[in-house]
Amino acid sequence: MENLKCFFKTEDSISNLILRVALGVAIFPHGAQKLLGWFGGHGMEGTLGFFTAKMGVPYFIAILVIIGEFFGALGLITGFLTRFSAAAMATIMAGAVAMAHWNNGFFMNWSGKQAGEGFEYHILAIGMATALIISGAGSFSLDQWVTRNILDKE
């Protein structure tokens, strides 16, 4: 039970609220593109095809990335399972850098002159996720509610 308390524990922090909601809102459209085909995405089938056939990502890993981006973003926005969701985001972003963005350099492709996007966005996302892994969801989170109303009552 003590490990579960550590997993959900968070301070009443507005800073963490801002971090998790900003990261969740930034990631959600990417997950919705991959899972649902929203925002001009290709949906689950198209994304799986691209990841497995074009990028060589194993099918199971591709499924985890799609589910992780979509539901992890929702977890961050609501502050539920924040440390787990943030760890998933950091892992996904690190994988994206390694597999797709490293060769494009640091900067995003603002001028349209690069072959693709750089990894500066990913560094920001990894930094935000790491801060949330360390300190938790913050104010107005389901993790905080679970801690106060369920775990601290036992």
C-alpha atoms as a PDB file:
ATOM      1  CA  MET A   1       0.000   0.000   0.000  1.00  0.00           C
ATOM      2  CA  GLU A   2       2.894   2.351   0.728  1.00  0.00           C
ATOM      3  CA  ASN A   3       4.145   2.050  -2.874  1.00  0.00           C
ATOM      4  CA  LEU A   4       0.688   2.963  -4.144  1.00  0.00           C
ATOM      5  CA  LYS A   5       0.653   6.040  -1.912  1.00  0.00           C
ATOM      6  CA  CYS A   6       4.041   7.107  -3.301  1.00  0.00           C
ATOM      7  CA  PHE A   7       2.768   6.605  -6.851  1.00  0.00           C
ATOM      8  CA  PHE A   8      -0.275   8.888  -6.376  1.00  0.00           C
ATOM      9  CA  LYS A   9       1.206  11.344  -3.851  1.00  0.00           C
ATOM     10  CA  THR A  10       1.447  14.930  -4.996  1.00  0.00           C
ATOM     11  CA  GLU A  11       1.776  18.380  -3.521  1.00  0.00           C
ATOM     12  CA  ASP A  12      -0.916  21.012  -3.887  1.00  0.00           C
ATOM     13  CA  SER A  13       1.084  22.672  -6.674  1.00  0.00           C
ATOM     14  CA  ILE A  14      -0.237  25.030  -9.318  1.00  0.00           C
ATOM     15  CA  SER A  15       3.075  24.684 -11.187  1.00  0.00           C
ATOM     16  CA  ASN A  16       2.525  20.947 -11.651  1.00  0.00           C
ATOM     17  CA  LEU A  17      -1.056  21.576 -12.731  1.00  0.00           C
ATOM     18  CA  ILE A  18       0.233  23.918 -15.438  1.00  0.00           C
ATOM     19  CA  LEU A  19       2.968  21.477 -16.510  1.00  0.00           C
ATOM     20  CA  ARG A  20       0.685  18.466 -16.810  1.00  0.00           C
ATOM     21  CA  VAL A  21      -2.203  20.251 -18.540  1.00  0.00           C
ATOM     22  CA  ALA A  22       0.132  21.992 -21.010  1.00  0.00           C
ATOM     23  CA  LEU A  23       1.909  18.733 -21.837  1.00  0.00           C
ATOM     24  CA  GLY A  24      -1.368  16.828 -22.095  1.00  0.00           C
ATOM     25  CA  VAL A  25      -2.959  19.438 -24.363  1.00  0.00           C
ATOM     26  CA  ALA A  26       0.153  19.519 -26.588  1.00  0.00           C
ATOM     27  CA  ILE A  27       0.272  15.718 -26.924  1.00  0.00           C
ATOM     28  CA  PHE A  28      -3.471  14.988 -27.188  1.00  0.00           C
ATOM     29  CA  PRO A  29      -3.914  16.041 -30.851  1.00  0.00           C
ATOM     30  CA  HIS A  30      -1.007  13.790 -31.845  1.00  0.00           C
ATOM     31  CA  GLY A  31      -2.590  10.845 -30.058  1.00  0.00           C
ATOM     32  CA  ALA A  32      -6.000  11.656 -31.554  1.00  0.00           C
ATOM     33  CA  GLN A  33      -4.455  11.749 -35.031  1.00  0.00           C
ATOM     34  CA  LYS A  34      -2.956   8.327 -34.512  1.00  0.00           C
ATOM     35  CA  LEU A  35      -5.881   6.625 -32.783  1.00  0.00           C
ATOM     36  CA  LEU A  36      -8.983   8.316 -34.203  1.00  0.00           C
ATOM     37  CA  GLY A  37      -7.853  10.041 -37.392  1.00  0.00           C
ATOM     38  CA  TRP A  38      -8.750  13.461 -35.965  1.00  0.00           C
ATOM     39  CA  PHE A  39      -6.822  16.630 -36.856  1.00  0.00           C
ATOM     40  CA  GLY A  40      -5.880  15.250 -40.271  1.00  0.00           C
ATOM     41  CA  GLY A  41      -4.427  12.014 -38.934  1.00  0.00           C
ATOM     42  CA  HIS A  42      -4.613   8.559 -40.459  1.00  0.00           C
ATOM     43  CA  GLY A  43      -6.268   6.742 -37.561  1.00  0.00           C
ATOM     44  CA  MET A  44      -5.224   3.491 -35.968  1.00  0.00           C
ATOM     45  CA  GLU A  45      -4.950   1.416 -39.142  1.00  0.00           C
ATOM     46  CA  GLY A  46      -3.012   4.006 -41.131  1.00  0.00           C
ATOM     47  CA  THR A  47      -0.688   4.785 -38.251  1.00  0.00           C
ATOM     48  CA  LEU A  48      -0.005   1.118 -37.566  1.00  0.00           C
ATOM     49  CA  GLY A  49       0.773   0.597 -41.236  1.00  0.00           C
ATOM     50  CA  PHE A  50       3.185   3.528 -41.293  1.00  0.00           C
ATOM     51  CA  PHE A  51       4.915   2.579 -38.045  1.00  0.00           C
ATOM     52  CA  THR A  52       5.338  -1.089 -38.909  1.00  0.00           C
ATOM     53  CA  ALA A  53       5.918  -1.019 -42.685  1.00  0.00           C
ATOM     54  CA  LYS A  54       7.767   2.280 -43.171  1.00  0.00           C
ATOM     55  CA  MET A  55       9.537   2.768 -39.833  1.00  0.00           C
ATOM     56  CA  GLY A  56      10.074  -0.865 -38.857  1.00  0.00           C
ATOM     57  CA  VAL A  57       8.477  -0.470 -35.426  1.00  0.00           C
ATOM     58  CA  PRO A  58       7.221  -3.769 -33.992  1.00  0.00           C
ATOM     59  CA  TYR A  59       3.417  -4.013 -34.018  1.00  0.00           C
ATOM     60  CA  PHE A  60       3.113  -4.235 -30.214  1.00  0.00           C
ATOM     61  CA  ILE A  61       5.313  -1.165 -29.703  1.00  0.00           C
ATOM     62  CA  ALA A  62       3.311   0.771 -32.314  1.00  0.00           C
ATOM     63  CA  ILE A  63       0.099  -0.058 -30.427  1.00  0.00           C
ATOM     64  CA  LEU A  64       1.684   1.111 -27.152  1.00  0.00           C
ATOM     65  CA  VAL A  65       2.759   4.416 -28.716  1.00  0.00           C
ATOM     66  CA  ILE A  66      -0.710   5.122 -30.115  1.00  0.00           C
ATOM     67  CA  ILE A  67      -2.505   4.189 -26.890  1.00  0.00           C
ATOM     68  CA  GLY A  68       0.150   5.931 -24.780  1.00  0.00           C
ATOM     69  CA  GLU A  69      -0.121   9.240 -26.627  1.00  0.00           C
ATOM     70  CA  PHE A  70      -3.906   9.319 -26.588  1.00  0.00           C
ATOM     71  CA  PHE A  71      -4.729   7.989 -23.124  1.00  0.00           C
ATOM     72  CA  GLY A  72      -1.512   9.313 -21.577  1.00  0.00           C
ATOM     73  CA  ALA A  73      -2.472  12.822 -22.684  1.00  0.00           C
ATOM     74  CA  LEU A  74      -5.923  12.384 -21.141  1.00  0.00           C
ATOM     75  CA  GLY A  75      -4.268  11.095 -17.958  1.00  0.00           C
ATOM     76  CA  LEU A  76      -2.095  14.188 -17.801  1.00  0.00           C
ATOM     77  CA  ILE A  77      -4.968  16.582 -18.438  1.00  0.00           C
ATOM     78  CA  THR A  78      -7.085  15.023 -15.686  1.00  0.00           C
ATOM     79  CA  GLY A  79      -4.135  14.306 -13.419  1.00  0.00           C
ATOM     80  CA  PHE A  80      -4.869  10.569 -13.237  1.00  0.00           C
ATOM     81  CA  LEU A  81      -1.943   8.149 -13.115  1.00  0.00           C
ATOM     82  CA  THR A  82       0.240  11.170 -13.779  1.00  0.00           C
ATOM     83  CA  ARG A  83       3.609   9.583 -13.078  1.00  0.00           C
ATOM     84  CA  PHE A  84       2.792   6.624 -15.331  1.00  0.00           C
ATOM     85  CA  SER A  85       1.439   8.878 -18.092  1.00  0.00           C
ATOM     86  CA  ALA A  86       4.430  11.205 -17.849  1.00  0.00           C
ATOM     87  CA  ALA A  87       6.847   8.254 -18.015  1.00  0.00           C
ATOM     88  CA  ALA A  88       5.030   7.011 -21.110  1.00  0.00           C
ATOM     89  CA  MET A  89       5.314  10.471 -22.720  1.00  0.00           C
ATOM     90  CA  ALA A  90       9.033  10.739 -21.941  1.00  0.00           C
ATOM     91  CA  THR A  91       9.634   7.270 -23.393  1.00  0.00           C
ATOM     92  CA  ILE A  92       7.589   7.982 -26.532  1.00  0.00           C
ATOM     93  CA  MET A  93       9.352  11.304 -27.083  1.00  0.00           C
ATOM     94  CA  ALA A  94      12.793   9.737 -26.618  1.00  0.00           C
ATOM     95  CA  GLY A  95      11.832   7.036 -29.120  1.00  0.00           C
ATOM     96  CA  ALA A  96      10.627   9.664 -31.597  1.00  0.00           C
ATOM     97  CA  VAL A  97      13.930  11.518 -31.329  1.00  0.00           C
ATOM     98  CA  ALA A  98      15.936   8.329 -31.842  1.00  0.00           C
ATOM     99  CA  MET A  99      13.859   6.988 -34.717  1.00  0.00           C
ATOM    100  CA  ALA A 100      12.706  10.043 -36.622  1.00  0.00           C
ATOM    101  CA  HIS A 101      14.053  13.421 -35.516  1.00  0.00           C
ATOM    102  CA  TRP A 102      17.725  13.108 -34.512  1.00  0.00           C
ATOM    103  CA  ASN A 103      19.022  13.293 -38.083  1.00  0.00           C
ATOM    104  CA  ASN A 104      17.083  16.522 -38.686  1.00  0.00           C
ATOM    105  CA  GLY A 105      19.069  18.399 -36.059  1.00  0.00           C
ATOM    106  CA  PHE A 106      17.948  20.387 -33.062  1.00  0.00           C
ATOM    107  CA  PHE A 107      15.614  23.004 -34.522  1.00  0.00           C
ATOM    108  CA  MET A 108      12.053  22.538 -35.650  1.00  0.00           C
ATOM    109  CA  ASN A 109      11.501  23.090 -39.352  1.00  0.00           C
ATOM    110  CA  TRP A 110      10.189  26.664 -39.113  1.00  0.00           C
ATOM    111  CA  SER A 111      11.580  27.716 -42.488  1.00  0.00           C
ATOM    112  CA  GLY A 112      10.655  24.536 -44.361  1.00  0.00           C
ATOM    113  CA  LYS A 113      14.258  24.069 -45.473  1.00  0.00           C
ATOM    114  CA  GLN A 114      15.057  20.953 -43.427  1.00  0.00           C
ATOM    115  CA  ALA A 115      14.253  17.381 -44.399  1.00  0.00           C
ATOM    116  CA  GLY A 116      12.003  17.119 -41.328  1.00  0.00           C
ATOM    117  CA  GLU A 117      11.449  18.371 -37.804  1.00  0.00           C
ATOM    118  CA  GLY A 118      14.270  18.612 -35.287  1.00  0.00           C
ATOM    119  CA  PHE A 119      14.019  17.476 -31.686  1.00  0.00           C
ATOM    120  CA  GLU A 120      13.702  20.708 -29.676  1.00  0.00           C
ATOM    121  CA  TYR A 121       9.985  20.075 -29.007  1.00  0.00           C
ATOM    122  CA  HIS A 122      10.787  16.598 -27.760  1.00  0.00           C
ATOM    123  CA  ILE A 123      13.354  17.900 -25.278  1.00  0.00           C
ATOM    124  CA  LEU A 124      10.729  20.239 -23.814  1.00  0.00           C
ATOM    125  CA  ALA A 125       8.199  17.408 -23.552  1.00  0.00           C
ATOM    126  CA  ILE A 126      10.755  15.101 -21.909  1.00  0.00           C
ATOM    127  CA  GLY A 127      11.703  17.829 -19.427  1.00  0.00           C
ATOM    128  CA  MET A 128       8.083  18.512 -18.520  1.00  0.00           C
ATOM    129  CA  ALA A 129       7.354  14.797 -18.175  1.00  0.00           C
ATOM    130  CA  THR A 130      10.415  14.261 -15.985  1.00  0.00           C
ATOM    131  CA  ALA A 131       9.337  17.049 -13.629  1.00  0.00           C
ATOM    132  CA  LEU A 132       5.921  15.373 -13.311  1.00  0.00           C
ATOM    133  CA  ILE A 133       7.456  11.955 -12.680  1.00  0.00           C
ATOM    134  CA  ILE A 134       9.464  13.444  -9.823  1.00  0.00           C
ATOM    135  CA  SER A 135       6.824  15.610  -8.173  1.00  0.00           C
ATOM    136  CA  GLY A 136       3.421  14.335  -9.268  1.00  0.00           C
ATOM    137  CA  ALA A 137       0.250  15.834 -10.678  1.00  0.00           C
ATOM    138  CA  GLY A 138      -0.220  18.890  -8.493  1.00  0.00           C
ATOM    139  CA  SER A 139      -3.429  20.759  -7.768  1.00  0.00           C
ATOM    140  CA  PHE A 140      -6.843  19.804  -9.123  1.00  0.00           C
ATOM    141  CA  SER A 141      -5.805  16.289 -10.067  1.00  0.00           C
ATOM    142  CA  LEU A 142      -7.465  12.927  -9.731  1.00  0.00           C
ATOM    143  CA  ASP A 143      -4.222  11.636  -8.213  1.00  0.00           C
ATOM    144  CA  GLN A 144      -4.576  14.191  -5.420  1.00  0.00           C
ATOM    145  CA  TRP A 145      -8.222  13.186  -4.920  1.00  0.00           C
ATOM    146  CA  VAL A 146      -7.318   9.472  -4.776  1.00  0.00           C
ATOM    147  CA  THR A 147      -4.600  10.190  -2.224  1.00  0.00           C
ATOM    148  CA  ARG A 148      -6.814  12.289   0.044  1.00  0.00           C
ATOM    149  CA  ASN A 149     -10.061  10.340  -0.232  1.00  0.00           C
ATOM    150  CA  ILE A 150      -8.980   6.731  -0.624  1.00  0.00           C
ATOM    151  CA  LEU A 151      -5.344   6.054   0.219  1.00  0.00           C
ATOM    152  CA  ASP A 152      -5.051   8.350   3.267  1.00  0.00           C
ATOM    153  CA  LYS A 153      -8.281   6.909   4.734  1.00  0.00           C
ATOM    154  CA  GLU A 154      -6.881   3.375   4.942  1.00  0.00           C
END
